[in-house]
Amino acid sequence: MEGAAIVSIAFANGGGEPPDWQDFVGIVLLLIINSVIGFVEERNAGNAVKALMESLAPKARVKRDGVWKEVESAELVPGDLVAFKHGDVCPADCRLVESVDVS
């Protein structure tokens, strides 16, 4: 697109006449609009990724030393008993100890 803008201004009329600026300005405006749209789309995509990362079970309910408490998922260790209910995201690789049939 940049090349098209340069060609449109450089070889517009020839014969010593001044170039027509309409094509050049039109191409440059399209480039600016395309850049703005690209920036907005990238920002929206970044915000969507951030929201997804925040929803990936940052906390977990664990039973340690006989007491249920809430800890960061990153702090889970082998041997923790993790509780989660229907619809929750499993915060780590877990082994199913008990299953409840809700049907």
N, C-alpha and C. Protein backbone atom coordinates (compact mmCIF):
# COMPACT_ATOMS: atom_id res chain seq x y z
N MET A 1 0.82 -1.19 0.00
CA MET A 1 0.00 0.00 0.00
C MET A 1 0.87 1.25 0.00
N GLU A 2 1.95 1.20 0.75
CA GLU A 2 2.84 2.35 0.77
C GLU A 2 3.44 2.57 -0.62
N GLY A 3 3.79 1.46 -1.27
CA GLY A 3 4.33 1.57 -2.64
C GLY A 3 3.31 2.16 -3.59
N ALA A 4 2.05 1.77 -3.44
CA ALA A 4 1.00 2.33 -4.29
C ALA A 4 0.85 3.82 -4.06
N ALA A 5 0.98 4.26 -2.84
CA ALA A 5 0.89 5.70 -2.54
C ALA A 5 2.04 6.45 -3.19
N ILE A 6 3.24 5.88 -3.11
CA ILE A 6 4.41 6.55 -3.71
C ILE A 6 4.28 6.58 -5.22
N VAL A 7 3.86 5.48 -5.82
CA VAL A 7 3.69 5.44 -7.28
C VAL A 7 2.60 6.40 -7.72
N SER A 8 1.52 6.50 -6.95
CA SER A 8 0.43 7.38 -7.35
C SER A 8 0.85 8.84 -7.32
N ILE A 9 1.72 9.21 -6.41
CA ILE A 9 2.16 10.60 -6.34
C ILE A 9 3.31 10.87 -7.32
N ALA A 10 4.15 9.86 -7.55
CA ALA A 10 5.31 10.07 -8.42
C ALA A 10 4.95 10.07 -9.89
N PHE A 11 4.06 9.18 -10.30
CA PHE A 11 3.74 9.04 -11.72
C PHE A 11 2.31 9.43 -12.04
N ALA A 12 1.76 10.36 -11.30
CA ALA A 12 0.35 10.67 -11.45
C ALA A 12 0.00 11.24 -12.82
N ASN A 13 0.57 12.34 -13.21
CA ASN A 13 0.18 12.99 -14.46
C ASN A 13 1.29 12.97 -15.50
N GLY A 14 2.50 13.12 -15.07
CA GLY A 14 3.61 13.20 -16.02
C GLY A 14 3.51 14.47 -16.86
N GLY A 15 4.42 14.61 -17.77
CA GLY A 15 4.38 15.78 -18.67
C GLY A 15 4.61 17.09 -17.96
N GLY A 16 5.22 17.09 -16.81
CA GLY A 16 5.52 18.33 -16.11
C GLY A 16 4.35 18.92 -15.35
N GLU A 17 3.19 18.27 -15.38
CA GLU A 17 2.04 18.79 -14.64
C GLU A 17 2.15 18.38 -13.18
N PRO A 18 1.56 19.14 -12.27
CA PRO A 18 1.59 18.75 -10.86
C PRO A 18 0.77 17.48 -10.64
N PRO A 19 1.17 16.67 -9.69
CA PRO A 19 0.46 15.40 -9.46
C PRO A 19 -0.93 15.62 -8.87
N ASP A 20 -1.80 14.65 -9.12
CA ASP A 20 -3.12 14.66 -8.48
C ASP A 20 -2.96 14.09 -7.08
N TRP A 21 -3.33 14.85 -6.09
CA TRP A 21 -3.15 14.44 -4.70
C TRP A 21 -4.28 13.55 -4.19
N GLN A 22 -5.38 13.47 -4.93
CA GLN A 22 -6.54 12.73 -4.43
C GLN A 22 -6.22 11.25 -4.21
N ASP A 23 -5.56 10.61 -5.18
CA ASP A 23 -5.22 9.19 -5.03
C ASP A 23 -4.26 8.98 -3.86
N PHE A 24 -3.25 9.83 -3.77
CA PHE A 24 -2.27 9.71 -2.69
C PHE A 24 -2.93 9.87 -1.32
N VAL A 25 -3.74 10.90 -1.18
CA VAL A 25 -4.42 11.15 0.09
C VAL A 25 -5.38 10.01 0.41
N GLY A 26 -6.09 9.50 -0.60
CA GLY A 26 -7.01 8.39 -0.37
C GLY A 26 -6.29 7.15 0.13
N ILE A 27 -5.14 6.81 -0.49
CA ILE A 27 -4.38 5.64 -0.07
C ILE A 27 -3.82 5.83 1.33
N VAL A 28 -3.31 7.01 1.63
CA VAL A 28 -2.77 7.28 2.97
C VAL A 28 -3.87 7.21 4.02
N LEU A 29 -5.05 7.73 3.71
CA LEU A 29 -6.17 7.63 4.67
C LEU A 29 -6.56 6.17 4.90
N LEU A 30 -6.58 5.37 3.84
CA LEU A 30 -6.87 3.94 4.01
C LEU A 30 -5.82 3.27 4.90
N LEU A 31 -4.56 3.63 4.72
CA LEU A 31 -3.50 3.07 5.57
C LEU A 31 -3.70 3.46 7.03
N ILE A 32 -4.06 4.69 7.28
CA ILE A 32 -4.27 5.16 8.66
C ILE A 32 -5.47 4.44 9.27
N ILE A 33 -6.57 4.34 8.52
CA ILE A 33 -7.76 3.66 9.03
C ILE A 33 -7.44 2.19 9.32
N ASN A 34 -6.70 1.54 8.42
CA ASN A 34 -6.31 0.15 8.62
C ASN A 34 -5.44 0.00 9.88
N SER A 35 -4.55 0.93 10.11
CA SER A 35 -3.70 0.88 11.30
C SER A 35 -4.52 1.03 12.57
N VAL A 36 -5.47 1.94 12.57
CA VAL A 36 -6.32 2.16 13.75
C VAL A 36 -7.15 0.91 14.03
N ILE A 37 -7.74 0.33 12.99
CA ILE A 37 -8.55 -0.88 13.17
C ILE A 37 -7.68 -2.02 13.70
N GLY A 38 -6.47 -2.17 13.15
CA GLY A 38 -5.55 -3.21 13.62
C GLY A 38 -5.19 -3.03 15.08
N PHE A 39 -4.93 -1.77 15.48
CA PHE A 39 -4.58 -1.49 16.87
C PHE A 39 -5.73 -1.85 17.81
N VAL A 40 -6.96 -1.46 17.44
CA VAL A 40 -8.12 -1.73 18.28
C VAL A 40 -8.35 -3.24 18.40
N GLU A 41 -8.23 -3.96 17.29
CA GLU A 41 -8.42 -5.41 17.32
C GLU A 41 -7.36 -6.10 18.19
N GLU A 42 -6.12 -5.67 18.09
CA GLU A 42 -5.06 -6.25 18.92
C GLU A 42 -5.30 -5.99 20.40
N ARG A 43 -5.75 -4.77 20.72
CA ARG A 43 -6.04 -4.44 22.12
C ARG A 43 -7.19 -5.29 22.65
N ASN A 44 -8.25 -5.45 21.83
CA ASN A 44 -9.38 -6.28 22.25
C ASN A 44 -8.95 -7.73 22.44
N ALA A 45 -8.11 -8.23 21.56
CA ALA A 45 -7.63 -9.61 21.70
C ALA A 45 -6.80 -9.75 22.97
N GLY A 46 -5.97 -8.77 23.26
CA GLY A 46 -5.18 -8.80 24.50
C GLY A 46 -6.06 -8.79 25.73
N ASN A 47 -7.13 -7.99 25.70
CA ASN A 47 -8.04 -7.95 26.84
C ASN A 47 -8.78 -9.28 27.00
N ALA A 48 -9.13 -9.92 25.88
CA ALA A 48 -9.81 -11.22 25.95
C ALA A 48 -8.90 -12.28 26.54
N VAL A 49 -7.64 -12.27 26.13
CA VAL A 49 -6.68 -13.24 26.69
C VAL A 49 -6.49 -12.99 28.18
N LYS A 50 -6.41 -11.74 28.57
CA LYS A 50 -6.25 -11.41 29.99
C LYS A 50 -7.45 -11.91 30.81
N ALA A 51 -8.67 -11.73 30.28
CA ALA A 51 -9.86 -12.20 30.98
C ALA A 51 -9.88 -13.72 31.08
N LEU A 52 -9.45 -14.40 30.02
CA LEU A 52 -9.38 -15.86 30.08
C LEU A 52 -8.37 -16.34 31.10
N MET A 53 -7.23 -15.70 31.16
CA MET A 53 -6.20 -16.10 32.12
C MET A 53 -6.68 -15.90 33.56
N GLU A 54 -7.45 -14.83 33.78
CA GLU A 54 -7.96 -14.58 35.13
C GLU A 54 -9.02 -15.60 35.54
N SER A 55 -9.69 -16.21 34.56
CA SER A 55 -10.75 -17.16 34.89
C SER A 55 -10.23 -18.59 35.01
N LEU A 56 -8.96 -18.81 34.87
CA LEU A 56 -8.42 -20.18 34.91
C LEU A 56 -8.04 -20.60 36.32
N ALA A 57 -9.01 -20.64 37.19
CA ALA A 57 -8.88 -21.15 38.55
C ALA A 57 -7.65 -20.63 39.29
N PRO A 58 -7.61 -19.36 39.59
CA PRO A 58 -6.46 -18.84 40.33
C PRO A 58 -6.44 -19.29 41.80
N LYS A 59 -7.58 -19.72 42.32
CA LYS A 59 -7.65 -20.17 43.71
C LYS A 59 -8.22 -21.58 43.75
N ALA A 60 -7.90 -22.30 44.80
CA ALA A 60 -8.41 -23.66 44.98
C ALA A 60 -8.76 -23.88 46.45
N ARG A 61 -9.82 -24.65 46.69
CA ARG A 61 -10.17 -25.05 48.06
C ARG A 61 -9.47 -26.36 48.35
N VAL A 62 -8.60 -26.36 49.34
CA VAL A 62 -7.85 -27.56 49.68
C VAL A 62 -8.03 -27.90 51.16
N LYS A 63 -7.85 -29.18 51.46
CA LYS A 63 -7.91 -29.63 52.85
C LYS A 63 -6.49 -30.00 53.24
N ARG A 64 -5.93 -29.20 54.12
CA ARG A 64 -4.59 -29.44 54.63
C ARG A 64 -4.67 -29.49 56.15
N ASP A 65 -4.04 -30.48 56.71
CA ASP A 65 -4.02 -30.64 58.17
C ASP A 65 -5.44 -30.68 58.75
N GLY A 66 -6.39 -31.25 58.00
CA GLY A 66 -7.75 -31.39 58.49
C GLY A 66 -8.59 -30.14 58.40
N VAL A 67 -8.06 -29.07 57.79
CA VAL A 67 -8.78 -27.80 57.71
C VAL A 67 -8.93 -27.40 56.24
N TRP A 68 -10.16 -27.01 55.86
CA TRP A 68 -10.38 -26.52 54.49
C TRP A 68 -9.96 -25.07 54.42
N LYS A 69 -9.16 -24.74 53.42
CA LYS A 69 -8.77 -23.35 53.21
C LYS A 69 -8.62 -23.08 51.73
N GLU A 70 -8.59 -21.80 51.38
CA GLU A 70 -8.45 -21.40 49.99
C GLU A 70 -7.02 -20.91 49.76
N VAL A 71 -6.37 -21.50 48.75
CA VAL A 71 -4.99 -21.12 48.43
C VAL A 71 -4.87 -20.86 46.94
N GLU A 72 -3.79 -20.22 46.56
CA GLU A 72 -3.51 -20.02 45.13
C GLU A 72 -3.27 -21.38 44.48
N SER A 73 -3.71 -21.55 43.24
CA SER A 73 -3.52 -22.83 42.55
C SER A 73 -2.05 -23.18 42.41
N ALA A 74 -1.21 -22.18 42.29
CA ALA A 74 0.23 -22.43 42.14
C ALA A 74 0.83 -23.05 43.39
N GLU A 75 0.16 -22.93 44.52
CA GLU A 75 0.68 -23.45 45.78
C GLU A 75 0.23 -24.89 46.07
N LEU A 76 -0.52 -25.50 45.14
CA LEU A 76 -0.96 -26.88 45.35
C LEU A 76 0.24 -27.82 45.31
N VAL A 77 0.20 -28.81 46.19
CA VAL A 77 1.28 -29.80 46.25
C VAL A 77 0.67 -31.20 46.19
N PRO A 78 1.46 -32.20 45.82
CA PRO A 78 0.93 -33.57 45.83
C PRO A 78 0.44 -33.94 47.23
N GLY A 79 -0.71 -34.55 47.28
CA GLY A 79 -1.30 -34.93 48.56
C GLY A 79 -2.40 -34.00 49.02
N ASP A 80 -2.53 -32.82 48.40
CA ASP A 80 -3.63 -31.93 48.76
C ASP A 80 -4.94 -32.53 48.31
N LEU A 81 -5.95 -32.40 49.14
CA LEU A 81 -7.30 -32.82 48.78
C LEU A 81 -8.02 -31.58 48.28
N VAL A 82 -8.35 -31.57 46.99
CA VAL A 82 -8.94 -30.39 46.34
C VAL A 82 -10.43 -30.61 46.18
N ALA A 83 -11.22 -29.60 46.55
CA ALA A 83 -12.68 -29.68 46.40
C ALA A 83 -13.11 -28.70 45.32
N PHE A 84 -13.93 -29.20 44.42
CA PHE A 84 -14.55 -28.30 43.45
C PHE A 84 -15.92 -28.83 43.12
N LYS A 85 -16.80 -27.92 42.70
CA LYS A 85 -18.18 -28.29 42.43
C LYS A 85 -18.44 -28.24 40.93
N HIS A 86 -19.63 -28.67 40.55
CA HIS A 86 -20.02 -28.71 39.15
C HIS A 86 -19.84 -27.32 38.51
N GLY A 87 -19.14 -27.25 37.40
CA GLY A 87 -18.93 -25.99 36.70
C GLY A 87 -17.61 -25.32 37.04
N ASP A 88 -16.95 -25.75 38.10
CA ASP A 88 -15.65 -25.17 38.46
C ASP A 88 -14.58 -25.69 37.52
N VAL A 89 -13.52 -24.91 37.39
CA VAL A 89 -12.36 -25.34 36.62
C VAL A 89 -11.43 -26.07 37.57
N CYS A 90 -10.98 -27.23 37.15
CA CYS A 90 -10.04 -27.99 37.98
C CYS A 90 -8.72 -27.24 38.02
N PRO A 91 -8.24 -26.87 39.20
CA PRO A 91 -7.07 -26.01 39.29
C PRO A 91 -5.73 -26.72 39.05
N ALA A 92 -5.73 -28.04 38.93
CA ALA A 92 -4.46 -28.75 38.76
C ALA A 92 -4.75 -30.16 38.25
N ASP A 93 -3.69 -30.93 37.99
CA ASP A 93 -3.88 -32.34 37.68
C ASP A 93 -4.31 -33.03 38.97
N CYS A 94 -5.46 -33.66 38.93
CA CYS A 94 -6.01 -34.26 40.14
C CYS A 94 -6.40 -35.71 39.87
N ARG A 95 -6.45 -36.45 40.95
CA ARG A 95 -6.98 -37.81 40.91
C ARG A 95 -8.33 -37.76 41.60
N LEU A 96 -9.36 -38.28 40.92
CA LEU A 96 -10.72 -38.25 41.46
C LEU A 96 -10.83 -39.25 42.60
N VAL A 97 -11.17 -38.74 43.79
CA VAL A 97 -11.29 -39.59 44.96
C VAL A 97 -12.75 -39.98 45.17
N GLU A 98 -13.66 -39.06 44.96
CA GLU A 98 -15.07 -39.30 45.18
C GLU A 98 -15.88 -38.62 44.11
N SER A 99 -16.86 -39.33 43.59
CA SER A 99 -17.73 -38.76 42.56
C SER A 99 -19.15 -38.79 43.07
N VAL A 100 -19.87 -37.71 42.84
CA VAL A 100 -21.27 -37.63 43.27
C VAL A 100 -22.12 -37.58 42.02
N ASP A 101 -23.10 -38.49 41.93
CA ASP A 101 -24.01 -38.51 40.78
C ASP A 101 -25.10 -37.49 41.01
N VAL A 102 -25.16 -36.46 40.17
CA VAL A 102 -26.12 -35.40 40.34
C VAL A 102 -27.35 -35.56 39.45
N SER A 103 -27.45 -36.67 38.73
CA SER A 103 -28.58 -36.83 37.80
C SER A 103 -29.84 -37.27 38.47
